[in-house]
PDB file of N, CA and C in Angstrom:
ATOM      1  N   MET A   1     -45.835   1.378 -39.391  1.00  0.00           N
ATOM      2  CA  MET A   1     -45.500   0.431 -39.313  1.00  0.00           C
ATOM      3  C   MET A   1     -43.738   0.535 -39.785  1.00  0.00           C
ATOM      4  N   LYS A   2     -43.082   0.938 -40.039  1.00  0.00           N
ATOM      5  CA  LYS A   2     -41.898   1.771 -40.453  1.00  0.00           C
ATOM      6  C   LYS A   2     -41.511   2.680 -39.183  1.00  0.00           C
ATOM      7  N   MET A   3     -42.356   3.158 -38.669  1.00  0.00           N
ATOM      8  CA  MET A   3     -41.486   3.689 -37.762  1.00  0.00           C
ATOM      9  C   MET A   3     -41.281   2.953 -36.302  1.00  0.00           C
ATOM     10  N   LYS A   4     -41.986   1.847 -36.028  1.00  0.00           N
ATOM     11  CA  LYS A   4     -41.613   0.233 -35.049  1.00  0.00           C
ATOM     12  C   LYS A   4     -40.558  -0.188 -35.768  1.00  0.00           C
ATOM     13  N   ARG A   5     -40.711  -0.251 -36.875  1.00  0.00           N
ATOM     14  CA  ARG A   5     -39.078  -1.279 -37.662  1.00  0.00           C
ATOM     15  C   ARG A   5     -38.389  -0.173 -37.392  1.00  0.00           C
ATOM     16  N   LEU A   6     -38.318   1.091 -37.462  1.00  0.00           N
ATOM     17  CA  LEU A   6     -36.960   1.989 -37.148  1.00  0.00           C
ATOM     18  C   LEU A   6     -36.648   1.757 -35.975  1.00  0.00           C
ATOM     19  N   ALA A   7     -37.488   1.999 -34.920  1.00  0.00           N
ATOM     20  CA  ALA A   7     -36.997   2.059 -33.768  1.00  0.00           C
ATOM     21  C   ALA A   7     -36.654   0.641 -33.109  1.00  0.00           C
ATOM     22  N   THR A   8     -37.040   0.125 -33.567  1.00  0.00           N
ATOM     23  CA  THR A   8     -36.524  -1.785 -33.687  1.00  0.00           C
ATOM     24  C   THR A   8     -34.628  -1.542 -33.920  1.00  0.00           C
ATOM     25  N   LEU A   9     -34.243  -0.792 -34.901  1.00  0.00           N
ATOM     26  CA  LEU A   9     -32.850  -1.172 -35.171  1.00  0.00           C
ATOM     27  C   LEU A   9     -32.806   0.048 -34.184  1.00  0.00           C
ATOM     28  N   ILE A  10     -32.787   1.014 -33.620  1.00  0.00           N
ATOM     29  CA  ILE A  10     -31.746   2.465 -34.051  1.00  0.00           C
ATOM     30  C   ILE A  10     -31.954   1.622 -32.202  1.00  0.00           C
ATOM     31  N   LEU A  11     -32.916   1.427 -31.492  1.00  0.00           N
ATOM     32  CA  LEU A  11     -32.310   1.676 -29.946  1.00  0.00           C
ATOM     33  C   LEU A  11     -31.501   0.287 -29.721  1.00  0.00           C
ATOM     34  N   PRO A  12     -31.289  -1.176 -30.207  1.00  0.00           N
ATOM     35  CA  PRO A  12     -30.389  -1.241 -30.014  1.00  0.00           C
ATOM     36  C   PRO A  12     -29.257  -1.007 -30.035  1.00  0.00           C
ATOM     37  N   LEU A  13     -28.738  -0.186 -31.251  1.00  0.00           N
ATOM     38  CA  LEU A  13     -27.378   0.687 -31.521  1.00  0.00           C
ATOM     39  C   LEU A  13     -26.877   1.478 -30.684  1.00  0.00           C
ATOM     40  N   THR A  14     -28.259   2.241 -30.176  1.00  0.00           N
ATOM     41  CA  THR A  14     -27.784   3.819 -29.001  1.00  0.00           C
ATOM     42  C   THR A  14     -27.046   2.640 -27.658  1.00  0.00           C
ATOM     43  N   LEU A  15     -27.890   1.370 -27.350  1.00  0.00           N
ATOM     44  CA  LEU A  15     -27.833   0.387 -26.438  1.00  0.00           C
ATOM     45  C   LEU A  15     -26.414   0.363 -26.123  1.00  0.00           C
ATOM     46  N   VAL A  16     -25.862  -0.778 -27.311  1.00  0.00           N
ATOM     47  CA  VAL A  16     -24.627  -0.317 -27.508  1.00  0.00           C
ATOM     48  C   VAL A  16     -23.676  -0.184 -27.626  1.00  0.00           C
ATOM     49  N   GLY A  17     -24.088   1.502 -28.019  1.00  0.00           N
ATOM     50  CA  GLY A  17     -23.027   2.414 -27.578  1.00  0.00           C
ATOM     51  C   GLY A  17     -22.562   2.977 -25.970  1.00  0.00           C
ATOM     52  N   CYS A  18     -23.784   2.741 -25.645  1.00  0.00           N
ATOM     53  CA  CYS A  18     -23.324   3.040 -23.839  1.00  0.00           C
ATOM     54  C   CYS A  18     -22.324   2.144 -23.124  1.00  0.00           C
ATOM     55  N   ASP A  19     -22.719   0.277 -23.781  1.00  0.00           N
ATOM     56  CA  ASP A  19     -21.706  -0.533 -23.037  1.00  0.00           C
ATOM     57  C   ASP A  19     -20.068   0.017 -23.602  1.00  0.00           C
ATOM     58  N   ASN A  20     -20.035   1.121 -24.869  1.00  0.00           N
ATOM     59  CA  ASN A  20     -18.580   0.633 -24.665  1.00  0.00           C
ATOM     60  C   ASN A  20     -17.810   2.013 -23.747  1.00  0.00           C
ATOM     61  N   LYS A  21     -18.351   2.001 -22.908  1.00  0.00           N
ATOM     62  CA  LYS A  21     -18.301   3.618 -22.896  1.00  0.00           C
ATOM     63  C   LYS A  21     -16.915   3.272 -21.551  1.00  0.00           C
ATOM     64  N   THR A  22     -16.005   4.002 -21.303  1.00  0.00           N
ATOM     65  CA  THR A  22     -15.337   3.147 -19.831  1.00  0.00           C
ATOM     66  C   THR A  22     -14.910   4.298 -19.198  1.00  0.00           C
ATOM     67  N   SER A  23     -15.117   4.305 -17.624  1.00  0.00           N
ATOM     68  CA  SER A  23     -13.859   5.341 -16.412  1.00  0.00           C
ATOM     69  C   SER A  23     -13.307   5.647 -16.916  1.00  0.00           C
ATOM     70  N   ASP A  24     -12.809   6.543 -15.940  1.00  0.00           N
ATOM     71  CA  ASP A  24     -11.148   7.328 -16.554  1.00  0.00           C
ATOM     72  C   ASP A  24     -10.665   6.784 -15.190  1.00  0.00           C
ATOM     73  N   ASP A  25     -10.827   5.317 -14.680  1.00  0.00           N
ATOM     74  CA  ASP A  25     -10.112   5.063 -13.544  1.00  0.00           C
ATOM     75  C   ASP A  25      -8.543   4.314 -13.587  1.00  0.00           C
ATOM     76  N   HIS A  26      -8.246   4.591 -15.427  1.00  0.00           N
ATOM     77  CA  HIS A  26      -7.506   4.301 -15.252  1.00  0.00           C
ATOM     78  C   HIS A  26      -6.038   5.446 -15.656  1.00  0.00           C
ATOM     79  N   ILE A  27      -6.911   6.212 -15.700  1.00  0.00           N
ATOM     80  CA  ILE A  27      -5.817   7.317 -16.148  1.00  0.00           C
ATOM     81  C   ILE A  27      -5.623   8.304 -14.989  1.00  0.00           C
ATOM     82  N   PHE A  28      -4.251   9.051 -15.574  1.00  0.00           N
ATOM     83  CA  PHE A  28      -3.453   9.632 -14.146  1.00  0.00           C
ATOM     84  C   PHE A  28      -2.854  10.960 -14.710  1.00  0.00           C
ATOM     85  N   THR A  29      -3.617  11.746 -13.576  1.00  0.00           N
ATOM     86  CA  THR A  29      -2.498  13.717 -14.385  1.00  0.00           C
ATOM     87  C   THR A  29      -2.117  13.857 -13.229  1.00  0.00           C
ATOM     88  N   LEU A  30      -0.434  14.932 -13.978  1.00  0.00           N
ATOM     89  CA  LEU A  30       0.025  15.177 -13.469  1.00  0.00           C
ATOM     90  C   LEU A  30      -0.175  16.062 -12.921  1.00  0.00           C
ATOM     91  N   TYR A  31       0.135  17.358 -12.233  1.00  0.00           N
ATOM     92  CA  TYR A  31      -0.078  18.813 -12.202  1.00  0.00           C
ATOM     93  C   TYR A  31       0.932  19.078 -10.858  1.00  0.00           C
ATOM     94  N   THR A  32       1.331  20.805 -10.941  1.00  0.00           N
ATOM     95  CA  THR A  32       1.702  21.769 -10.259  1.00  0.00           C
ATOM     96  C   THR A  32       1.422  22.274  -9.650  1.00  0.00           C
ATOM     97  N   SER A  33       1.871  23.000  -8.905  1.00  0.00           N
ATOM     98  CA  SER A  33       1.039  24.286  -7.701  1.00  0.00           C
ATOM     99  C   SER A  33       2.153  25.480  -8.613  1.00  0.00           C
ATOM    100  N   TYR A  34       1.992  26.731  -8.694  1.00  0.00           N
ATOM    101  CA  TYR A  34       2.610  27.972  -9.479  1.00  0.00           C
ATOM    102  C   TYR A  34       2.113  29.076  -8.409  1.00  0.00           C
ATOM    103  N   GLU A  35       2.419  29.481  -8.412  1.00  0.00           N
ATOM    104  CA  GLU A  35       2.220  31.269  -7.292  1.00  0.00           C
ATOM    105  C   GLU A  35       0.369  30.640  -6.765  1.00  0.00           C
ATOM    106  N   SER A  36       0.148  29.145  -6.224  1.00  0.00           N
ATOM    107  CA  SER A  36      -1.218  29.241  -5.684  1.00  0.00           C
ATOM    108  C   SER A  36      -2.015  28.536  -7.318  1.00  0.00           C
ATOM    109  N   LYS A  37      -1.354  29.043  -7.936  1.00  0.00           N
ATOM    110  CA  LYS A  37      -2.824  28.129  -8.752  1.00  0.00           C
ATOM    111  C   LYS A  37      -1.846  27.106  -9.606  1.00  0.00           C
ATOM    112  N   ARG A  38      -3.149  25.828  -9.527  1.00  0.00           N
ATOM    113  CA  ARG A  38      -3.124  24.427 -10.290  1.00  0.00           C
ATOM    114  C   ARG A  38      -3.238  24.080 -11.678  1.00  0.00           C
ATOM    115  N   LEU A  39      -1.895  23.840 -11.832  1.00  0.00           N
ATOM    116  CA  LEU A  39      -1.612  24.305 -13.296  1.00  0.00           C
ATOM    117  C   LEU A  39      -1.408  22.164 -13.895  1.00  0.00           C
ATOM    118  N   HIS A  40      -2.166  21.904 -15.364  1.00  0.00           N
ATOM    119  CA  HIS A  40      -2.029  20.748 -15.640  1.00  0.00           C
ATOM    120  C   HIS A  40      -0.309  21.036 -16.083  1.00  0.00           C
ATOM    121  N   VAL A  41       0.041  19.812 -15.929  1.00  0.00           N
ATOM    122  CA  VAL A  41       1.186  18.778 -16.852  1.00  0.00           C
ATOM    123  C   VAL A  41       1.585  17.974 -17.651  1.00  0.00           C
ATOM    124  N   ALA A  42       1.014  16.747 -17.704  1.00  0.00           N
ATOM    125  CA  ALA A  42       0.776  15.649 -18.289  1.00  0.00           C
ATOM    126  C   ALA A  42      -0.360  14.942 -17.661  1.00  0.00           C
ATOM    127  N   THR A  43      -0.746  14.689 -18.517  1.00  0.00           N
ATOM    128  CA  THR A  43      -1.763  13.045 -18.579  1.00  0.00           C
ATOM    129  C   THR A  43      -0.851  11.446 -18.683  1.00  0.00           C
ATOM    130  N   PHE A  44      -1.333  10.716 -18.054  1.00  0.00           N
ATOM    131  CA  PHE A  44      -1.093   9.779 -18.601  1.00  0.00           C
ATOM    132  C   PHE A  44      -2.417   8.789 -18.911  1.00  0.00           C
ATOM    133  N   ASP A  45      -2.167   8.308 -20.112  1.00  0.00           N
ATOM    134  CA  ASP A  45      -3.531   7.751 -20.495  1.00  0.00           C
ATOM    135  C   ASP A  45      -3.050   6.347 -21.635  1.00  0.00           C
ATOM    136  N   ALA A  46      -2.380   5.112 -21.185  1.00  0.00           N
ATOM    137  CA  ALA A  46      -1.570   4.245 -22.047  1.00  0.00           C
ATOM    138  C   ALA A  46      -2.380   3.257 -22.150  1.00  0.00           C
ATOM    139  N   THR A  47      -3.698   3.677 -23.108  1.00  0.00           N
ATOM    140  CA  THR A  47      -4.007   2.555 -24.092  1.00  0.00           C
ATOM    141  C   THR A  47      -5.130   1.577 -24.425  1.00  0.00           C
ATOM    142  N   PRO A  48      -4.572   1.075 -25.147  1.00  0.00           N
ATOM    143  CA  PRO A  48      -4.719   0.573 -27.316  1.00  0.00           C
ATOM    144  C   PRO A  48      -6.353   0.656 -27.505  1.00  0.00           C
ATOM    145  N   ASN A  49      -5.927   1.291 -28.445  1.00  0.00           N
ATOM    146  CA  ASN A  49      -7.674   1.653 -29.566  1.00  0.00           C
ATOM    147  C   ASN A  49      -8.926   0.523 -28.608  1.00  0.00           C
ATOM    148  N   SER A  50      -7.899  -0.781 -28.701  1.00  0.00           N
ATOM    149  CA  SER A  50      -8.589  -1.718 -29.407  1.00  0.00           C
ATOM    150  C   SER A  50      -9.728  -2.235 -28.185  1.00  0.00           C
ATOM    151  N   LEU A  51      -9.579  -2.234 -26.826  1.00  0.00           N
ATOM    152  CA  LEU A  51      -9.385  -2.404 -25.787  1.00  0.00           C
ATOM    153  C   LEU A  51     -11.904  -1.972 -26.185  1.00  0.00           C
ATOM    154  N   ASN A  52     -12.753  -2.240 -25.642  1.00  0.00           N
ATOM    155  CA  ASN A  52     -13.840  -2.835 -26.566  1.00  0.00           C
ATOM    156  C   ASN A  52     -15.005  -2.559 -25.063  1.00  0.00           C
ATOM    157  N   GLY A  53     -14.694  -2.983 -23.683  1.00  0.00           N
ATOM    158  CA  GLY A  53     -15.653  -2.646 -22.347  1.00  0.00           C
ATOM    159  C   GLY A  53     -15.524  -4.106 -22.201  1.00  0.00           C
ATOM    160  N   SER A  54     -15.510  -5.349 -22.740  1.00  0.00           N
ATOM    161  CA  SER A  54     -15.585  -6.600 -22.382  1.00  0.00           C
ATOM    162  C   SER A  54     -15.137  -6.782 -20.924  1.00  0.00           C
ATOM    163  N   SER A  55     -16.033  -7.854 -19.917  1.00  0.00           N
ATOM    164  CA  SER A  55     -15.275  -8.056 -18.691  1.00  0.00           C
ATOM    165  C   SER A  55     -13.092  -8.115 -18.832  1.00  0.00           C
ATOM    166  N   LEU A  56     -13.319  -9.007 -19.302  1.00  0.00           N
ATOM    167  CA  LEU A  56     -11.463  -8.710 -19.626  1.00  0.00           C
ATOM    168  C   LEU A  56     -10.558  -7.653 -20.059  1.00  0.00           C
ATOM    169  N   ASP A  57     -11.286  -6.535 -20.762  1.00  0.00           N
ATOM    170  CA  ASP A  57     -10.538  -5.396 -21.345  1.00  0.00           C
ATOM    171  C   ASP A  57     -10.516  -4.283 -19.713  1.00  0.00           C
ATOM    172  N   LYS A  58     -11.407  -4.462 -19.026  1.00  0.00           N
ATOM    173  CA  LYS A  58     -11.105  -4.000 -17.777  1.00  0.00           C
ATOM    174  C   LYS A  58      -9.782  -4.704 -16.305  1.00  0.00           C
ATOM    175  N   LYS A  59     -10.476  -5.591 -17.131  1.00  0.00           N
ATOM    176  CA  LYS A  59      -9.063  -6.012 -16.197  1.00  0.00           C
ATOM    177  C   LYS A  59      -7.603  -5.465 -16.808  1.00  0.00           C
ATOM    178  N   TRP A  60      -7.475  -5.179 -18.303  1.00  0.00           N
ATOM    179  CA  TRP A  60      -6.695  -5.035 -18.829  1.00  0.00           C
ATOM    180  C   TRP A  60      -6.213  -3.287 -18.343  1.00  0.00           C
ATOM    181  N   LEU A  61      -8.120  -2.904 -18.247  1.00  0.00           N
ATOM    182  CA  LEU A  61      -7.374  -1.307 -17.484  1.00  0.00           C
ATOM    183  C   LEU A  61      -7.153  -1.242 -16.741  1.00  0.00           C
ATOM    184  N   GLU A  62      -7.103  -2.240 -15.692  1.00  0.00           N
ATOM    185  CA  GLU A  62      -6.440  -2.170 -14.183  1.00  0.00           C
ATOM    186  C   GLU A  62      -5.511  -2.095 -14.038  1.00  0.00           C
ATOM    187  N   LEU A  63      -4.832  -2.789 -15.208  1.00  0.00           N
ATOM    188  CA  LEU A  63      -3.085  -3.326 -14.956  1.00  0.00           C
ATOM    189  C   LEU A  63      -2.871  -1.876 -15.865  1.00  0.00           C
ATOM    190  N   PHE A  64      -3.353  -1.030 -16.809  1.00  0.00           N
ATOM    191  CA  PHE A  64      -2.772   0.056 -17.409  1.00  0.00           C
ATOM    192  C   PHE A  64      -2.617   0.827 -16.703  1.00  0.00           C
ATOM    193  N   GLY A  65      -3.953   0.814 -15.918  1.00  0.00           N
ATOM    194  CA  GLY A  65      -4.001   2.215 -14.901  1.00  0.00           C
ATOM    195  C   GLY A  65      -2.683   1.626 -13.695  1.00  0.00           C
ATOM    196  N   GLU A  66      -2.508   1.161 -12.845  1.00  0.00           N
ATOM    197  CA  GLU A  66      -1.219   0.339 -12.399  1.00  0.00           C
ATOM    198  C   GLU A  66       0.056   1.389 -13.086  1.00  0.00           C
ATOM    199  N   ASP A  67       0.365   0.851 -14.662  1.00  0.00           N
ATOM    200  CA  ASP A  67       1.403   1.627 -14.912  1.00  0.00           C
ATOM    201  C   ASP A  67       1.546   2.634 -15.235  1.00  0.00           C
ATOM    202  N   ASN A  68       0.291   3.871 -15.621  1.00  0.00           N
ATOM    203  CA  ASN A  68      -0.163   5.025 -15.556  1.00  0.00           C
ATOM    204  C   ASN A  68       0.109   5.759 -14.275  1.00  0.00           C
ATOM    205  N   ALA A  69      -0.256   4.249 -13.350  1.00  0.00           N
ATOM    206  CA  ALA A  69      -0.294   5.560 -11.910  1.00  0.00           C
ATOM    207  C   ALA A  69       1.176   6.016 -11.191  1.00  0.00           C
ATOM    208  N   LYS A  70       2.775   4.814 -11.446  1.00  0.00           N
ATOM    209  CA  LYS A  70       3.250   4.202 -11.600  1.00  0.00           C
ATOM    210  C   LYS A  70       4.837   5.473 -12.569  1.00  0.00           C
ATOM    211  N   ASP A  71       3.828   5.512 -13.415  1.00  0.00           N
ATOM    212  CA  ASP A  71       4.243   7.031 -14.252  1.00  0.00           C
ATOM    213  C   ASP A  71       4.275   8.075 -13.648  1.00  0.00           C
ATOM    214  N   CYS A  72       3.180   8.763 -13.317  1.00  0.00           N
ATOM    215  CA  CYS A  72       3.262  10.016 -13.254  1.00  0.00           C
ATOM    216  C   CYS A  72       3.785   9.952 -11.881  1.00  0.00           C
ATOM    217  N   ASN A  73       3.602   9.043 -11.112  1.00  0.00           N
ATOM    218  CA  ASN A  73       4.506   9.461  -9.631  1.00  0.00           C
ATOM    219  C   ASN A  73       5.719   9.422 -10.085  1.00  0.00           C
ATOM    220  N   LYS A  74       6.302   8.671 -10.625  1.00  0.00           N
ATOM    221  CA  LYS A  74       8.016   8.807 -11.471  1.00  0.00           C
ATOM    222  C   LYS A  74       8.461  10.525 -12.107  1.00  0.00           C
ATOM    223  N   ALA A  75       6.912  10.453 -12.899  1.00  0.00           N
ATOM    224  CA  ALA A  75       7.736  11.931 -13.436  1.00  0.00           C
ATOM    225  C   ALA A  75       7.340  13.107 -12.433  1.00  0.00           C
ATOM    226  N   ALA A  76       6.573  12.768 -11.147  1.00  0.00           N
ATOM    227  CA  ALA A  76       6.554  14.025 -10.169  1.00  0.00           C
ATOM    228  C   ALA A  76       7.148  14.053  -9.406  1.00  0.00           C
ATOM    229  N   SER A  77       7.390  12.097  -9.418  1.00  0.00           N
ATOM    230  CA  SER A  77       9.237  12.870  -8.276  1.00  0.00           C
ATOM    231  C   SER A  77      10.292  13.653  -9.413  1.00  0.00           C
ATOM    232  N   MET A  78      10.643  13.007 -10.743  1.00  0.00           N
ATOM    233  CA  MET A  78      11.587  13.360 -11.189  1.00  0.00           C
ATOM    234  C   MET A  78      11.990  15.004 -11.295  1.00  0.00           C
ATOM    235  N   PHE A  79      10.384  15.401 -11.541  1.00  0.00           N
ATOM    236  CA  PHE A  79      10.326  16.926 -11.795  1.00  0.00           C
ATOM    237  C   PHE A  79      10.807  17.449 -10.653  1.00  0.00           C
ATOM    238  N   GLN A  80       9.773  16.972  -9.339  1.00  0.00           N
ATOM    239  CA  GLN A  80       9.853  17.631  -7.831  1.00  0.00           C
ATOM    240  C   GLN A  80      12.067  17.682  -7.836  1.00  0.00           C
ATOM    241  N   LYS A  81      12.472  16.410  -7.944  1.00  0.00           N
ATOM    242  CA  LYS A  81      13.890  15.865  -7.607  1.00  0.00           C
ATOM    243  C   LYS A  81      14.501  17.640  -8.468  1.00  0.00           C
ATOM    244  N   ASP A  82      14.368  17.006  -9.839  1.00  0.00           N
ATOM    245  CA  ASP A  82      15.271  18.330 -10.706  1.00  0.00           C
ATOM    246  C   ASP A  82      14.352  19.674 -10.045  1.00  0.00           C
ATOM    247  N   LEU A  83      13.139  19.924 -10.142  1.00  0.00           N
ATOM    248  CA  LEU A  83      13.323  21.323  -9.298  1.00  0.00           C
ATOM    249  C   LEU A  83      13.407  21.838  -7.488  1.00  0.00           C
ATOM    250  N   ASP A  84      13.974  21.295  -6.734  1.00  0.00           N
ATOM    251  CA  ASP A  84      13.988  20.850  -5.428  1.00  0.00           C
ATOM    252  C   ASP A  84      16.194  21.041  -5.612  1.00  0.00           C
ATOM    253  N   SER A  85      16.530  20.593  -6.248  1.00  0.00           N
ATOM    254  CA  SER A  85      18.193  20.540  -7.062  1.00  0.00           C
ATOM    255  C   SER A  85      18.884  21.890  -7.350  1.00  0.00           C
ATOM    256  N   LYS A  86      17.283  22.273  -7.742  1.00  0.00           N
ATOM    257  CA  LYS A  86      18.067  23.849  -9.043  1.00  0.00           C
ATOM    258  C   LYS A  86      17.866  25.116  -7.788  1.00  0.00           C
ATOM    259  N   LEU A  87      16.526  24.938  -6.673  1.00  0.00           N
ATOM    260  CA  LEU A  87      15.308  25.982  -6.594  1.00  0.00           C
ATOM    261  C   LEU A  87      15.243  25.339  -4.151  1.00  0.00           C
ATOM    262  N   LYS A  88      16.207  25.829  -3.372  1.00  0.00           N
ATOM    263  CA  LYS A  88      15.691  25.731  -2.460  1.00  0.00           C
ATOM    264  C   LYS A  88      14.901  26.500  -1.360  1.00  0.00           C
ATOM    265  N   ALA A  89      13.849  25.181  -0.395  1.00  0.00           N
ATOM    266  CA  ALA A  89      12.664  25.768  -0.221  1.00  0.00           C
ATOM    267  C   ALA A  89      11.775  26.215  -1.115  1.00  0.00           C
ATOM    268  N   THR A  90      11.450  26.094  -2.364  1.00  0.00           N
ATOM    269  CA  THR A  90       9.938  26.598  -3.168  1.00  0.00           C
ATOM    270  C   THR A  90       9.096  26.227  -2.805  1.00  0.00           C
ATOM    271  N   ASP A  91       8.209  26.866  -3.244  1.00  0.00           N
ATOM    272  CA  ASP A  91       6.737  26.491  -3.224  1.00  0.00           C
ATOM    273  C   ASP A  91       5.499  25.308  -4.019  1.00  0.00           C
ATOM    274  N   ILE A  92       6.339  25.216  -5.214  1.00  0.00           N
ATOM    275  CA  ILE A  92       6.423  24.685  -6.095  1.00  0.00           C
ATOM    276  C   ILE A  92       6.624  22.489  -5.350  1.00  0.00           C
ATOM    277  N   LYS A  93       5.066  22.430  -6.128  1.00  0.00           N
ATOM    278  CA  LYS A  93       4.974  21.108  -5.698  1.00  0.00           C
ATOM    279  C   LYS A  93       4.155  20.276  -6.796  1.00  0.00           C
ATOM    280  N   TYR A  94       5.105  19.375  -7.306  1.00  0.00           N
ATOM    281  CA  TYR A  94       4.108  17.900  -8.506  1.00  0.00           C
ATOM    282  C   TYR A  94       3.518  16.876  -7.722  1.00  0.00           C
ATOM    283  N   TRP A  95       2.339  16.501  -7.687  1.00  0.00           N
ATOM    284  CA  TRP A  95       1.262  15.630  -7.577  1.00  0.00           C
ATOM    285  C   TRP A  95       0.749  14.699  -8.601  1.00  0.00           C
ATOM    286  N   CYS A  96       0.269  13.574  -8.505  1.00  0.00           N
ATOM    287  CA  CYS A  96      -0.554  12.661  -9.917  1.00  0.00           C
ATOM    288  C   CYS A  96      -2.570  13.041  -8.690  1.00  0.00           C
ATOM    289  N   GLU A  97      -3.009  12.885  -9.786  1.00  0.00           N
ATOM    290  CA  GLU A  97      -4.369  12.647  -9.752  1.00  0.00           C
ATOM    291  C   GLU A  97      -5.122  12.177 -10.266  1.00  0.00           C
ATOM    292  N   LYS A  98      -6.054  10.701  -9.698  1.00  0.00           N
ATOM    293  CA  LYS A  98      -6.489  10.015 -11.400  1.00  0.00           C
ATOM    294  C   LYS A  98      -8.084  10.800 -11.607  1.00  0.00           C
ATOM    295  N   GLY A  99      -8.032  10.326 -12.988  1.00  0.00           N
ATOM    296  CA  GLY A  99      -8.996  10.147 -13.345  1.00  0.00           C
ATOM    297  C   GLY A  99      -7.962  11.862 -14.802  1.00  0.00           C
ATOM    298  N   ARG A 100      -9.151  12.231 -15.545  1.00  0.00           N
ATOM    299  CA  ARG A 100      -8.045  13.224 -16.857  1.00  0.00           C
ATOM    300  C   ARG A 100      -8.320  14.593 -15.762  1.00  0.00           C
ATOM    301  N   TYR A 101      -8.240  15.174 -16.897  1.00  0.00           N
ATOM    302  CA  TYR A 101      -7.332  16.959 -16.038  1.00  0.00           C
ATOM    303  C   TYR A 101      -8.839  17.645 -15.885  1.00  0.00           C
ATOM    304  N   ARG A 102      -8.618  18.249 -14.402  1.00  0.00           N
ATOM    305  CA  ARG A 102      -9.976  19.344 -14.004  1.00  0.00           C
ATOM    306  C   ARG A 102      -9.336  20.207 -13.604  1.00  0.00           C
ATOM    307  N   LYS A 103      -9.864  21.412 -13.362  1.00  0.00           N
ATOM    308  CA  LYS A 103     -10.038  22.850 -13.273  1.00  0.00           C
ATOM    309  C   LYS A 103      -9.585  22.180 -11.953  1.00  0.00           C
TER     310      LYS A 103
END
């Protein structure tokens, strides 16, 4: 009987923990290429810790995603412009990808 009661308490807590996970669609990562290698430069993940996975929060994540994308692309453009002004005809490029850093 005690095991049954314990299971009834643990199962809902486990399911609640699963509901709060969000995707990384609002996160953008800035990369650069150097000597044919893809290198991580920065990750743009501007989101408050108070988001808890409700439907309203998904709209906020979309808005933060738009801001993260703009900031990442602006940084890529600034890095590229600065690099191009110093080194002509270089193979080094900067770009953004949706999601967290991946090798």
